[in-house]
Amino acid sequence: MTQLTIFDENQAPAASRPLLNKAKAKYGFVPNVLGELAGSPSALGGYMSMSQTFAQSGLTAIEQQIVLLTTSFANNCEYCVAVHSTLALEVGLDRDIIMTIRDGEAIRQDTRLEALRQFTLAIVRERGLVERSDVDAFLKAGFTKANVLDVIQGVTVKTMTNYLNHIAETPLDEAFQSMAWSKPILSHAH
């Protein structure tokens, strides 16, 4: 574990303080991962900007959370799986679907959302070197070519904090404790 300082909005480098104040206004507190990112104002600014523009993508709020949750699952990020499980509930994603993604299982309740989960997994696991058939299946499910770019953006922004949390072993904030997660031991290959 690399101990990184978790800054608050008063201790952070000057250029990070306005961004942490913005996060505190949104969440009611500064999430630990953002406090860590604040050590580099450019990293914090880049992450927050990319997150904000991803929120304006052509994917619905529920679809965005599926991309973020699936990416975090595939990258085995305990912190981000807990965070995005919580946020997915807040935007109205069915709890059973959230638990299915957390278990690494197929979403049987919704073929469109399963196509999104599968495409996101393919991008993460293949480092973008997906097969044409992966893209075709995604498009056949009703997504657009612009949505291909949206998923890439979501995977990119989430990979940043997944990797940070692996290096820093970021402690989970109290607000996300109820959705704490650790990767299940799967009995079959995925």
Protein backbone atom coordinates (compact mmCIF):
# COMPACT_ATOMS: atom_id res chain seq x y z
CA MET A 1 0.00 0.00 0.00
CA THR A 2 1.20 3.48 -0.87
CA GLN A 3 -0.05 5.87 1.74
CA LEU A 4 -1.50 8.88 0.00
CA THR A 5 -2.76 11.88 1.89
CA ILE A 6 -6.52 12.27 1.93
CA PHE A 7 -6.92 16.02 1.78
CA ASP A 8 -10.00 17.92 2.83
CA GLU A 9 -11.16 21.17 1.27
CA ASN A 10 -9.10 23.22 3.78
CA GLN A 11 -5.76 21.36 3.64
CA ALA A 12 -5.56 20.56 -0.07
CA PRO A 13 -3.25 22.34 -2.49
CA ALA A 14 -4.82 25.71 -3.35
CA ALA A 15 -5.82 24.72 -6.89
CA SER A 16 -7.70 21.65 -5.58
CA ARG A 17 -9.73 23.46 -2.94
CA PRO A 18 -12.50 24.85 -5.20
CA LEU A 19 -12.96 21.38 -6.73
CA LEU A 20 -13.20 19.73 -3.31
CA ASN A 21 -15.71 22.39 -2.24
CA LYS A 22 -17.77 21.52 -5.33
CA ALA A 23 -17.61 17.80 -4.42
CA LYS A 24 -18.59 18.56 -0.82
CA ALA A 25 -21.60 20.56 -2.04
CA LYS A 26 -22.66 17.65 -4.26
CA TYR A 27 -22.15 14.75 -1.82
CA GLY A 28 -22.31 16.46 1.57
CA PHE A 29 -18.71 15.39 2.25
CA VAL A 30 -15.44 14.95 0.35
CA PRO A 31 -15.18 11.30 -0.73
CA ASN A 32 -11.80 9.82 0.21
CA VAL A 33 -10.87 9.11 -3.40
CA LEU A 34 -11.33 12.78 -4.32
CA GLY A 35 -9.34 13.79 -1.26
CA GLU A 36 -6.49 11.61 -2.54
CA LEU A 37 -6.76 12.98 -6.09
CA ALA A 38 -6.52 16.50 -4.63
CA GLY A 39 -2.79 15.90 -4.08
CA SER A 40 -2.49 16.63 -7.81
CA PRO A 41 -4.78 19.49 -8.85
CA SER A 42 -4.45 18.42 -12.50
CA ALA A 43 -5.45 14.81 -11.69
CA LEU A 44 -8.43 15.97 -9.61
CA GLY A 45 -9.48 18.50 -12.24
CA GLY A 46 -9.13 15.99 -15.05
CA TYR A 47 -11.14 13.35 -13.20
CA MET A 48 -13.92 15.74 -12.19
CA SER A 49 -14.15 17.25 -15.68
CA MET A 50 -14.30 13.84 -17.35
CA SER A 51 -16.91 12.65 -14.81
CA GLN A 52 -19.02 15.74 -15.44
CA THR A 53 -18.91 15.34 -19.22
CA PHE A 54 -19.63 11.60 -18.96
CA ALA A 55 -22.76 12.51 -16.97
CA GLN A 56 -23.88 14.44 -20.07
CA SER A 57 -23.25 11.52 -22.44
CA GLY A 58 -25.86 9.82 -24.58
CA LEU A 59 -26.28 7.11 -21.95
CA THR A 60 -29.01 7.38 -19.32
CA ALA A 61 -28.04 7.80 -15.66
CA ILE A 62 -28.77 4.10 -15.10
CA GLU A 63 -26.70 3.08 -18.13
CA GLN A 64 -23.84 5.28 -16.95
CA GLN A 65 -23.85 3.55 -13.57
CA ILE A 66 -23.81 0.14 -15.28
CA VAL A 67 -20.67 1.17 -17.19
CA LEU A 68 -19.00 2.53 -14.04
CA LEU A 69 -20.02 -0.42 -11.86
CA THR A 70 -19.07 -3.01 -14.48
CA THR A 71 -15.68 -1.36 -15.06
CA SER A 72 -15.04 -1.31 -11.31
CA PHE A 73 -16.05 -4.98 -11.05
CA ALA A 74 -13.78 -5.99 -13.94
CA ASN A 75 -10.89 -4.04 -12.42
CA ASN A 76 -11.62 -5.55 -8.98
CA CYS A 77 -11.94 -2.15 -7.29
CA GLU A 78 -13.69 -2.69 -3.97
CA TYR A 79 -13.98 1.04 -3.28
CA CYS A 80 -15.59 1.95 -6.62
CA VAL A 81 -17.94 -1.05 -6.65
CA ALA A 82 -19.32 0.11 -3.28
CA VAL A 83 -19.58 3.74 -4.44
CA HIS A 84 -21.29 2.93 -7.74
CA SER A 85 -23.60 0.38 -6.14
CA THR A 86 -24.78 3.20 -3.87
CA LEU A 87 -25.06 5.74 -6.70
CA ALA A 88 -26.82 3.21 -8.96
CA LEU A 89 -29.48 2.72 -6.28
CA GLU A 90 -29.87 6.51 -6.04
CA VAL A 91 -30.55 6.84 -9.79
CA GLY A 92 -33.10 4.02 -9.68
CA LEU A 93 -31.27 0.93 -10.91
CA ASP A 94 -32.98 -2.18 -9.58
CA ARG A 95 -31.11 -3.62 -6.58
CA ASP A 96 -31.26 -7.14 -8.09
CA ILE A 97 -29.45 -5.91 -11.20
CA ILE A 98 -26.81 -4.19 -9.06
CA MET A 99 -26.24 -7.40 -7.10
CA THR A 100 -26.07 -9.39 -10.35
CA ILE A 101 -23.30 -7.12 -11.69
CA ARG A 102 -21.47 -7.31 -8.34
CA ASP A 103 -21.63 -11.12 -8.58
CA GLY A 104 -20.23 -11.11 -12.12
CA GLU A 105 -23.37 -12.67 -13.53
CA ALA A 106 -25.46 -11.88 -16.63
CA ILE A 107 -28.37 -9.45 -16.31
CA ARG A 108 -31.24 -11.72 -17.27
CA GLN A 109 -33.96 -9.16 -16.48
CA ASP A 110 -32.96 -6.76 -19.28
CA THR A 111 -31.22 -7.77 -22.53
CA ARG A 112 -30.30 -4.18 -23.42
CA LEU A 113 -28.56 -3.60 -20.09
CA GLU A 114 -26.85 -6.99 -20.41
CA ALA A 115 -25.52 -5.95 -23.84
CA LEU A 116 -24.12 -2.80 -22.20
CA ARG A 117 -22.54 -4.84 -19.40
CA GLN A 118 -21.01 -7.29 -21.89
CA PHE A 119 -19.62 -4.53 -24.11
CA THR A 120 -18.13 -2.72 -21.10
CA LEU A 121 -16.52 -5.96 -19.88
CA ALA A 122 -15.08 -6.61 -23.34
CA ILE A 123 -13.52 -3.14 -23.48
CA VAL A 124 -11.96 -3.47 -20.03
CA ARG A 125 -10.77 -7.06 -20.37
CA GLU A 126 -9.47 -6.70 -23.92
CA ARG A 127 -8.01 -3.23 -23.30
CA GLY A 128 -10.13 -1.89 -26.13
CA LEU A 129 -9.13 -4.61 -28.60
CA VAL A 130 -12.70 -5.84 -28.89
CA GLU A 131 -14.01 -7.96 -31.74
CA ARG A 132 -16.28 -6.51 -34.39
CA SER A 133 -18.90 -8.96 -33.09
CA ASP A 134 -18.74 -7.23 -29.67
CA VAL A 135 -19.53 -3.87 -31.27
CA ASP A 136 -22.22 -5.41 -33.50
CA ALA A 137 -23.96 -7.03 -30.52
CA PHE A 138 -23.90 -3.69 -28.68
CA LEU A 139 -25.39 -1.85 -31.67
CA LYS A 140 -27.96 -4.59 -32.26
CA ALA A 141 -29.20 -4.07 -28.67
CA GLY A 142 -30.25 -0.55 -29.65
CA PHE A 143 -27.17 1.47 -28.78
CA THR A 144 -25.57 3.91 -31.24
CA LYS A 145 -22.05 4.43 -32.54
CA ALA A 146 -21.92 7.54 -30.33
CA ASN A 147 -22.71 5.25 -27.36
CA VAL A 148 -19.58 3.23 -28.23
CA LEU A 149 -17.62 6.42 -27.51
CA ASP A 150 -19.68 7.05 -24.36
CA VAL A 151 -18.77 3.62 -22.98
CA ILE A 152 -15.08 4.18 -23.79
CA GLN A 153 -15.25 7.49 -21.92
CA GLY A 154 -16.92 5.86 -18.90
CA VAL A 155 -14.35 3.05 -18.81
CA THR A 156 -11.56 5.61 -19.05
CA VAL A 157 -12.76 7.85 -16.24
CA LYS A 158 -13.49 4.90 -13.95
CA THR A 159 -10.20 3.14 -14.65
CA MET A 160 -8.41 6.24 -13.30
CA THR A 161 -9.95 5.89 -9.85
CA ASN A 162 -9.90 2.07 -9.94
CA TYR A 163 -6.11 2.19 -10.37
CA LEU A 164 -5.72 4.95 -7.77
CA ASN A 165 -7.69 2.91 -5.24
CA HIS A 166 -5.55 -0.17 -5.90
CA ILE A 167 -2.37 1.80 -5.25
CA ALA A 168 -3.68 3.77 -2.26
CA GLU A 169 -6.01 1.12 -0.77
CA THR A 170 -8.46 3.97 -0.26
CA PRO A 171 -10.57 3.51 2.87
CA LEU A 172 -14.27 3.28 2.12
CA ASP A 173 -16.28 6.29 3.23
CA GLU A 174 -19.03 5.70 5.79
CA ALA A 175 -21.66 6.80 3.24
CA PHE A 176 -20.84 3.77 1.06
CA GLN A 177 -20.29 1.15 3.80
CA SER A 178 -23.72 -0.43 3.37
CA MET A 179 -22.70 -1.49 -0.16
CA ALA A 180 -19.18 -2.69 0.72
CA TRP A 181 -17.97 -5.39 -1.67
CA SER A 182 -15.19 -7.83 -2.32
CA LYS A 183 -14.80 -9.80 -5.52
CA PRO A 184 -16.65 -13.12 -5.39
CA ILE A 185 -14.82 -16.36 -6.01
CA LEU A 186 -16.44 -17.50 -9.23
CA SER A 187 -16.95 -21.18 -9.81
CA HIS A 188 -16.72 -20.82 -13.59
CA ALA A 189 -14.76 -18.69 -16.02
CA HIS A 190 -16.24 -15.43 -17.30
